[in-house]
Amino acid sequence: MPGSQVPSEPAPAALDQLFPKELVSLARGVGFAEFMSAYGEKCFLLIKLDDGGELQAGLRALEQTRLDADGGNQATIGTQTAVVDIVPFVPDPADRFTTTELGRRLAEHKHYAITLESGKAGAGATEKISVGRGGNSGMVLCHPSVSKLHAWFNRDAGGSFSVADAHSKNGTRVNQMALPPDSMVRITGGDVVRFGSVETIVCPSSTIWRAAHGK
C-alpha cells in the first residue's frame, strides 16, 4: 500500500511494569554506551509499589525534585558528564541477576526505579543515602510501616553498596535476614531489601538496559 510503513518489531515487554516510564523509554531509545554514561556510576533500587498509589506518588515527587535541581539533565543524557571522584558501580563477580530474573519479578508486580545516590556532586569517596518516611530523607518512602528515619545506604570508594537499619520500628531485612541496628550489610544485584513491609530489589544499571533491549 502506497505510503504505508513497515511496522517495527515490538519492544521487549520485560519492563512494561516498571516506572517511571521516562526511564524505560530512555533505556529503549539509546545505545548501551549512552545509557551507561548517564547511569553507569549509579545503581537502581526497584521499589515494589503498593495498590493505593501513595508510595508511587511520593517517589514521583522525589524524582521530580531531583530533576528540577539538576536542570532536567536526566532526560537529556547526551549533555551529562561523569563525576570524576565517584567510582562507577561494579556488580559483584558472583552477581547473577539476569534480565530473565528481572522480567520474572516485574511480571509479578509493578515497581518504581530510583537511583541510589546522595544527590550531592563531589560527595567524596563515601556516599550516605538515608531512607525513611520523613521528607528530608534521601529516599522518601511514603508508607506507614516505614519509620521517619528507617535505614541508610553507604557507597564505598570501590562503588559497592551496603545497607544498615537505623533503629526503625518495623526493621530492615536483606533476603529475609533481619539486620541488627547500625550493622552494615553489603548488597548486590538481585538482593531483596525490605524496609518495614516495603519490598525493594537491587538492580545494576546494565541490567535495566539489557532488559529494555531483550538481551
C-alpha atoms as a PDB file:
ATOM      1  CA  MET A   1       0.000   0.000   0.000  1.00  0.00           C
ATOM      2  CA  PRO A   2       1.486   3.360  -1.017  1.00  0.00           C
ATOM      3  CA  GLY A   3       2.796   5.420   1.869  1.00  0.00           C
ATOM      4  CA  SER A   4       2.481   2.589   4.359  1.00  0.00           C
ATOM      5  CA  GLN A   5       5.315   1.877   6.745  1.00  0.00           C
ATOM      6  CA  VAL A   6       6.721  -1.469   7.705  1.00  0.00           C
ATOM      7  CA  PRO A   7       5.794  -1.951  11.367  1.00  0.00           C
ATOM      8  CA  SER A   8       8.753  -2.105  13.680  1.00  0.00           C
ATOM      9  CA  GLU A   9       9.267  -5.081  15.924  1.00  0.00           C
ATOM     10  CA  PRO A  10       7.562  -4.735  19.308  1.00  0.00           C
ATOM     11  CA  ALA A  11       9.716  -3.518  22.167  1.00  0.00           C
ATOM     12  CA  PRO A  12      10.675  -6.146  24.777  1.00  0.00           C
ATOM     13  CA  ALA A  13       7.963  -6.431  27.403  1.00  0.00           C
ATOM     14  CA  ALA A  14      10.212  -7.110  30.394  1.00  0.00           C
ATOM     15  CA  LEU A  15       9.972  -3.505  31.632  1.00  0.00           C
ATOM     16  CA  ASP A  16       6.268  -2.887  30.973  1.00  0.00           C
ATOM     17  CA  GLN A  17       5.559  -2.816  34.719  1.00  0.00           C
ATOM     18  CA  LEU A  18       8.488  -0.574  35.592  1.00  0.00           C
ATOM     19  CA  PHE A  19       8.156   3.129  36.386  1.00  0.00           C
ATOM     20  CA  PRO A  20       8.994   5.920  35.714  1.00  0.00           C
ATOM     21  CA  LYS A  21       8.135   5.366  32.073  1.00  0.00           C
ATOM     22  CA  GLU A  22      10.614   8.084  31.075  1.00  0.00           C
ATOM     23  CA  LEU A  23      13.441   5.846  32.245  1.00  0.00           C
ATOM     24  CA  VAL A  24      12.088   2.872  30.305  1.00  0.00           C
ATOM     25  CA  SER A  25      11.734   4.955  27.120  1.00  0.00           C
ATOM     26  CA  LEU A  26      15.255   6.264  27.582  1.00  0.00           C
ATOM     27  CA  ALA A  27      16.709   2.781  28.027  1.00  0.00           C
ATOM     28  CA  ARG A  28      14.917   1.577  24.899  1.00  0.00           C
ATOM     29  CA  GLY A  29      15.874   4.589  22.824  1.00  0.00           C
ATOM     30  CA  VAL A  30      19.639   4.822  23.292  1.00  0.00           C
ATOM     31  CA  GLY A  31      22.678   2.600  22.947  1.00  0.00           C
ATOM     32  CA  PHE A  32      24.414   0.862  25.813  1.00  0.00           C
ATOM     33  CA  ALA A  33      27.324   3.321  25.947  1.00  0.00           C
ATOM     34  CA  GLU A  34      24.991   6.318  26.122  1.00  0.00           C
ATOM     35  CA  PHE A  35      22.846   4.800  28.836  1.00  0.00           C
ATOM     36  CA  MET A  36      25.835   3.804  30.933  1.00  0.00           C
ATOM     37  CA  SER A  37      27.412   7.250  30.532  1.00  0.00           C
ATOM     38  CA  ALA A  38      24.368   8.606  32.361  1.00  0.00           C
ATOM     39  CA  TYR A  39      23.666   5.803  34.838  1.00  0.00           C
ATOM     40  CA  GLY A  40      26.776   3.621  34.942  1.00  0.00           C
ATOM     41  CA  GLU A  41      28.085   5.217  38.140  1.00  0.00           C
ATOM     42  CA  LYS A  42      24.771   4.532  39.851  1.00  0.00           C
ATOM     43  CA  CYS A  43      22.723   1.524  40.868  1.00  0.00           C
ATOM     44  CA  PHE A  44      18.934   1.236  40.810  1.00  0.00           C
ATOM     45  CA  LEU A  45      16.621   0.233  43.607  1.00  0.00           C
ATOM     46  CA  LEU A  46      13.350  -1.204  42.257  1.00  0.00           C
ATOM     47  CA  ILE A  47      10.595  -0.465  44.758  1.00  0.00           C
ATOM     48  CA  LYS A  48       7.524  -2.705  44.767  1.00  0.00           C
ATOM     49  CA  LEU A  49       4.509  -0.407  44.540  1.00  0.00           C
ATOM     50  CA  ASP A  50       1.506  -0.538  46.832  1.00  0.00           C
ATOM     51  CA  ASP A  51      -2.026  -0.717  45.443  1.00  0.00           C
ATOM     52  CA  GLY A  52      -3.076   2.632  46.877  1.00  0.00           C
ATOM     53  CA  GLY A  53      -0.630   4.683  44.824  1.00  0.00           C
ATOM     54  CA  GLU A  54       0.704   6.680  47.789  1.00  0.00           C
ATOM     55  CA  LEU A  55       4.146   5.115  47.526  1.00  0.00           C
ATOM     56  CA  GLN A  56       4.418   5.832  43.791  1.00  0.00           C
ATOM     57  CA  ALA A  57       3.202   9.419  44.215  1.00  0.00           C
ATOM     58  CA  GLY A  58       5.864  10.076  46.846  1.00  0.00           C
ATOM     59  CA  LEU A  59       8.617   8.553  44.706  1.00  0.00           C
ATOM     60  CA  ARG A  60       7.481  10.529  41.679  1.00  0.00           C
ATOM     61  CA  ALA A  61       7.603  13.769  43.663  1.00  0.00           C
ATOM     62  CA  LEU A  62      11.105  12.939  44.911  1.00  0.00           C
ATOM     63  CA  GLU A  63      12.319  12.153  41.396  1.00  0.00           C
ATOM     64  CA  GLN A  64      10.864  15.420  40.061  1.00  0.00           C
ATOM     65  CA  THR A  65      12.638  17.360  42.799  1.00  0.00           C
ATOM     66  CA  ARG A  66      15.926  15.792  41.733  1.00  0.00           C
ATOM     67  CA  LEU A  67      15.269  16.604  38.080  1.00  0.00           C
ATOM     68  CA  ASP A  68      14.457  20.235  38.906  1.00  0.00           C
ATOM     69  CA  ALA A  69      17.635  20.556  40.961  1.00  0.00           C
ATOM     70  CA  ASP A  70      19.693  19.021  38.145  1.00  0.00           C
ATOM     71  CA  GLY A  71      18.148  21.148  35.413  1.00  0.00           C
ATOM     72  CA  GLY A  72      16.423  18.136  33.871  1.00  0.00           C
ATOM     73  CA  ASN A  73      19.663  16.566  32.638  1.00  0.00           C
ATOM     74  CA  GLN A  74      18.451  13.071  33.473  1.00  0.00           C
ATOM     75  CA  ALA A  75      16.195  13.230  30.413  1.00  0.00           C
ATOM     76  CA  THR A  76      18.942  14.573  28.129  1.00  0.00           C
ATOM     77  CA  ILE A  77      21.794  12.214  28.779  1.00  0.00           C
ATOM     78  CA  GLY A  78      23.873  13.435  25.855  1.00  0.00           C
ATOM     79  CA  THR A  79      24.802  16.553  27.832  1.00  0.00           C
ATOM     80  CA  GLN A  80      25.838  14.769  31.023  1.00  0.00           C
ATOM     81  CA  THR A  81      29.378  14.357  32.258  1.00  0.00           C
ATOM     82  CA  ALA A  82      30.570  11.900  34.868  1.00  0.00           C
ATOM     83  CA  VAL A  83      31.563  12.999  38.369  1.00  0.00           C
ATOM     84  CA  VAL A  84      35.239  12.136  38.394  1.00  0.00           C
ATOM     85  CA  ASP A  85      35.606  11.356  42.095  1.00  0.00           C
ATOM     86  CA  ILE A  86      32.820   8.761  42.189  1.00  0.00           C
ATOM     87  CA  VAL A  87      33.854   5.294  41.027  1.00  0.00           C
ATOM     88  CA  PRO A  88      31.356   3.538  38.686  1.00  0.00           C
ATOM     89  CA  PHE A  89      29.134   0.924  40.301  1.00  0.00           C
ATOM     90  CA  VAL A  90      30.636  -2.516  39.656  1.00  0.00           C
ATOM     91  CA  PRO A  91      28.389  -5.540  40.326  1.00  0.00           C
ATOM     92  CA  ASP A  92      29.836  -8.289  42.481  1.00  0.00           C
ATOM     93  CA  PRO A  93      31.506 -11.033  40.377  1.00  0.00           C
ATOM     94  CA  ALA A  94      29.022 -13.509  41.872  1.00  0.00           C
ATOM     95  CA  ASP A  95      26.073 -11.345  40.779  1.00  0.00           C
ATOM     96  CA  ARG A  96      23.778 -13.476  38.629  1.00  0.00           C
ATOM     97  CA  PHE A  97      20.789 -11.142  38.495  1.00  0.00           C
ATOM     98  CA  THR A  98      19.868 -11.776  34.864  1.00  0.00           C
ATOM     99  CA  THR A  99      17.361  -9.959  32.698  1.00  0.00           C
ATOM    100  CA  THR A 100      15.239 -13.115  32.744  1.00  0.00           C
ATOM    101  CA  GLU A 101      15.046 -12.961  36.531  1.00  0.00           C
ATOM    102  CA  LEU A 102      14.311  -9.230  36.393  1.00  0.00           C
ATOM    103  CA  GLY A 103      11.484  -9.844  33.923  1.00  0.00           C
ATOM    104  CA  ARG A 104      10.036 -12.585  36.126  1.00  0.00           C
ATOM    105  CA  ARG A 105       9.954 -10.340  39.167  1.00  0.00           C
ATOM    106  CA  LEU A 106       8.496  -7.394  37.280  1.00  0.00           C
ATOM    107  CA  ALA A 107       5.768  -9.637  35.819  1.00  0.00           C
ATOM    108  CA  GLU A 108       4.589 -10.352  39.355  1.00  0.00           C
ATOM    109  CA  HIS A 109       4.162  -6.730  40.455  1.00  0.00           C
ATOM    110  CA  LYS A 110       4.713  -3.123  39.400  1.00  0.00           C
ATOM    111  CA  HIS A 111       7.949  -1.491  40.561  1.00  0.00           C
ATOM    112  CA  TYR A 112       9.415   2.005  40.568  1.00  0.00           C
ATOM    113  CA  ALA A 113      13.113   2.510  39.786  1.00  0.00           C
ATOM    114  CA  ILE A 114      15.112   5.097  41.671  1.00  0.00           C
ATOM    115  CA  THR A 115      18.869   5.585  41.640  1.00  0.00           C
ATOM    116  CA  LEU A 116      20.913   5.049  44.763  1.00  0.00           C
ATOM    117  CA  GLU A 117      22.746   8.347  45.048  1.00  0.00           C
ATOM    118  CA  SER A 118      23.193  11.123  47.566  1.00  0.00           C
ATOM    119  CA  GLY A 119      22.381  13.822  45.025  1.00  0.00           C
ATOM    120  CA  LYS A 120      25.497  15.750  46.066  1.00  0.00           C
ATOM    121  CA  ALA A 121      28.072  16.147  43.308  1.00  0.00           C
ATOM    122  CA  GLY A 122      31.609  15.646  44.541  1.00  0.00           C
ATOM    123  CA  ALA A 123      30.442  13.952  47.714  1.00  0.00           C
ATOM    124  CA  GLY A 124      33.821  12.246  48.103  1.00  0.00           C
ATOM    125  CA  ALA A 125      34.837   8.630  48.468  1.00  0.00           C
ATOM    126  CA  THR A 126      31.779   7.615  50.510  1.00  0.00           C
ATOM    127  CA  GLU A 127      28.123   8.412  49.967  1.00  0.00           C
ATOM    128  CA  LYS A 128      25.375   8.007  52.545  1.00  0.00           C
ATOM    129  CA  ILE A 129      21.743   7.843  51.396  1.00  0.00           C
ATOM    130  CA  SER A 130      19.103   7.949  54.122  1.00  0.00           C
ATOM    131  CA  VAL A 131      15.804   6.077  53.756  1.00  0.00           C
ATOM    132  CA  GLY A 132      12.624   6.970  55.593  1.00  0.00           C
ATOM    133  CA  ARG A 133       9.134   8.403  55.657  1.00  0.00           C
ATOM    134  CA  GLY A 134      10.411  11.879  56.540  1.00  0.00           C
ATOM    135  CA  GLY A 135      10.573  14.437  53.765  1.00  0.00           C
ATOM    136  CA  ASN A 136      14.239  15.193  54.415  1.00  0.00           C
ATOM    137  CA  SER A 137      15.328  11.602  53.672  1.00  0.00           C
ATOM    138  CA  GLY A 138      17.407  10.951  50.581  1.00  0.00           C
ATOM    139  CA  MET A 139      14.877   8.281  49.613  1.00  0.00           C
ATOM    140  CA  VAL A 140      11.343   9.040  50.794  1.00  0.00           C
ATOM    141  CA  LEU A 141       9.052   6.021  51.174  1.00  0.00           C
ATOM    142  CA  CYS A 142       5.506   7.152  51.970  1.00  0.00           C
ATOM    143  CA  HIS A 143       4.297   4.056  53.775  1.00  0.00           C
ATOM    144  CA  PRO A 144       3.013   3.575  57.350  1.00  0.00           C
ATOM    145  CA  SER A 145       5.404   0.665  58.001  1.00  0.00           C
ATOM    146  CA  VAL A 146       8.430   2.883  57.291  1.00  0.00           C
ATOM    147  CA  SER A 147       9.910   4.952  60.128  1.00  0.00           C
ATOM    148  CA  LYS A 148      10.693   8.658  59.750  1.00  0.00           C
ATOM    149  CA  LEU A 149      14.386   7.681  59.590  1.00  0.00           C
ATOM    150  CA  HIS A 150      14.357   3.987  58.796  1.00  0.00           C
ATOM    151  CA  ALA A 151      17.742   2.991  57.325  1.00  0.00           C
ATOM    152  CA  TRP A 152      20.605   4.189  55.193  1.00  0.00           C
ATOM    153  CA  PHE A 153      22.766   3.038  52.296  1.00  0.00           C
ATOM    154  CA  ASN A 154      26.527   3.512  52.124  1.00  0.00           C
ATOM    155  CA  ARG A 155      28.525   3.500  48.915  1.00  0.00           C
ATOM    156  CA  ASP A 156      32.255   2.999  49.311  1.00  0.00           C
ATOM    157  CA  ALA A 157      35.155   4.187  47.173  1.00  0.00           C
ATOM    158  CA  GLY A 158      35.011   0.983  45.126  1.00  0.00           C
ATOM    159  CA  GLY A 159      31.388   1.543  44.120  1.00  0.00           C
ATOM    160  CA  SER A 160      29.938  -1.191  46.364  1.00  0.00           C
ATOM    161  CA  PHE A 161      26.779  -0.618  48.405  1.00  0.00           C
ATOM    162  CA  SER A 162      25.859  -1.601  51.938  1.00  0.00           C
ATOM    163  CA  VAL A 163      22.688  -1.014  53.949  1.00  0.00           C
ATOM    164  CA  ALA A 164      22.040  -0.579  57.675  1.00  0.00           C
ATOM    165  CA  ASP A 165      18.965  -0.256  59.852  1.00  0.00           C
ATOM    166  CA  ALA A 166      18.576   2.993  61.814  1.00  0.00           C
ATOM    167  CA  HIS A 167      16.721   1.588  64.861  1.00  0.00           C
ATOM    168  CA  SER A 168      13.479   1.505  62.861  1.00  0.00           C
ATOM    169  CA  LYS A 169      10.226   0.341  64.417  1.00  0.00           C
ATOM    170  CA  ASN A 170       9.486  -2.391  61.861  1.00  0.00           C
ATOM    171  CA  GLY A 171      13.014  -3.371  60.919  1.00  0.00           C
ATOM    172  CA  THR A 172      15.110  -3.761  57.772  1.00  0.00           C
ATOM    173  CA  ARG A 173      15.744  -7.108  56.077  1.00  0.00           C
ATOM    174  CA  VAL A 174      18.118  -8.281  53.359  1.00  0.00           C
ATOM    175  CA  ASN A 175      16.979 -11.527  51.719  1.00  0.00           C
ATOM    176  CA  GLN A 176      14.854 -12.371  54.792  1.00  0.00           C
ATOM    177  CA  MET A 177      17.742 -11.672  57.200  1.00  0.00           C
ATOM    178  CA  ALA A 178      16.803  -9.134  59.858  1.00  0.00           C
ATOM    179  CA  LEU A 179      19.517  -6.514  60.315  1.00  0.00           C
ATOM    180  CA  PRO A 180      20.646  -5.521  63.806  1.00  0.00           C
ATOM    181  CA  PRO A 181      20.547  -1.702  64.170  1.00  0.00           C
ATOM    182  CA  ASP A 182      23.633   0.122  62.858  1.00  0.00           C
ATOM    183  CA  SER A 183      25.118  -3.051  61.313  1.00  0.00           C
ATOM    184  CA  MET A 184      26.213  -2.608  57.673  1.00  0.00           C
ATOM    185  CA  VAL A 185      25.464  -5.470  55.245  1.00  0.00           C
ATOM    186  CA  ARG A 186      26.808  -5.477  51.711  1.00  0.00           C
ATOM    187  CA  ILE A 187      24.244  -5.800  48.898  1.00  0.00           C
ATOM    188  CA  THR A 188      24.481  -6.666  45.214  1.00  0.00           C
ATOM    189  CA  GLY A 189      22.250  -7.139  42.177  1.00  0.00           C
ATOM    190  CA  GLY A 190      19.168  -9.263  42.868  1.00  0.00           C
ATOM    191  CA  ASP A 191      19.196  -8.783  46.639  1.00  0.00           C
ATOM    192  CA  VAL A 192      15.800  -8.064  48.170  1.00  0.00           C
ATOM    193  CA  VAL A 193      15.857  -5.294  50.789  1.00  0.00           C
ATOM    194  CA  ARG A 194      12.731  -4.678  52.893  1.00  0.00           C
ATOM    195  CA  PHE A 195      12.041  -1.533  54.874  1.00  0.00           C
ATOM    196  CA  GLY A 196       9.136  -2.475  57.107  1.00  0.00           C
ATOM    197  CA  SER A 197       6.751  -4.043  54.591  1.00  0.00           C
ATOM    198  CA  VAL A 198       8.113  -2.115  51.585  1.00  0.00           C
ATOM    199  CA  GLU A 199       9.992  -4.537  49.331  1.00  0.00           C
ATOM    200  CA  THR A 200      12.800  -3.434  47.015  1.00  0.00           C
ATOM    201  CA  ILE A 201      15.246  -5.137  44.625  1.00  0.00           C
ATOM    202  CA  VAL A 202      18.824  -4.036  43.957  1.00  0.00           C
ATOM    203  CA  CYS A 203      19.363  -3.770  40.188  1.00  0.00           C
ATOM    204  CA  PRO A 204      22.535  -2.753  38.267  1.00  0.00           C
ATOM    205  CA  SER A 205      22.077  -0.131  35.536  1.00  0.00           C
ATOM    206  CA  SER A 206      23.319  -2.520  32.863  1.00  0.00           C
ATOM    207  CA  THR A 207      20.515  -4.984  33.655  1.00  0.00           C
ATOM    208  CA  ILE A 208      17.909  -2.270  33.040  1.00  0.00           C
ATOM    209  CA  TRP A 209      19.329  -1.520  29.583  1.00  0.00           C
ATOM    210  CA  ARG A 210      19.681  -5.176  28.583  1.00  0.00           C
ATOM    211  CA  ALA A 211      16.109  -5.924  29.660  1.00  0.00           C
ATOM    212  CA  ALA A 212      14.883  -2.981  27.582  1.00  0.00           C
ATOM    213  CA  HIS A 213      16.583  -4.465  24.507  1.00  0.00           C
ATOM    214  CA  GLY A 214      15.697  -8.084  25.109  1.00  0.00           C
ATOM    215  CA  LYS A 215      19.268  -9.151  25.768  1.00  0.00           C
END
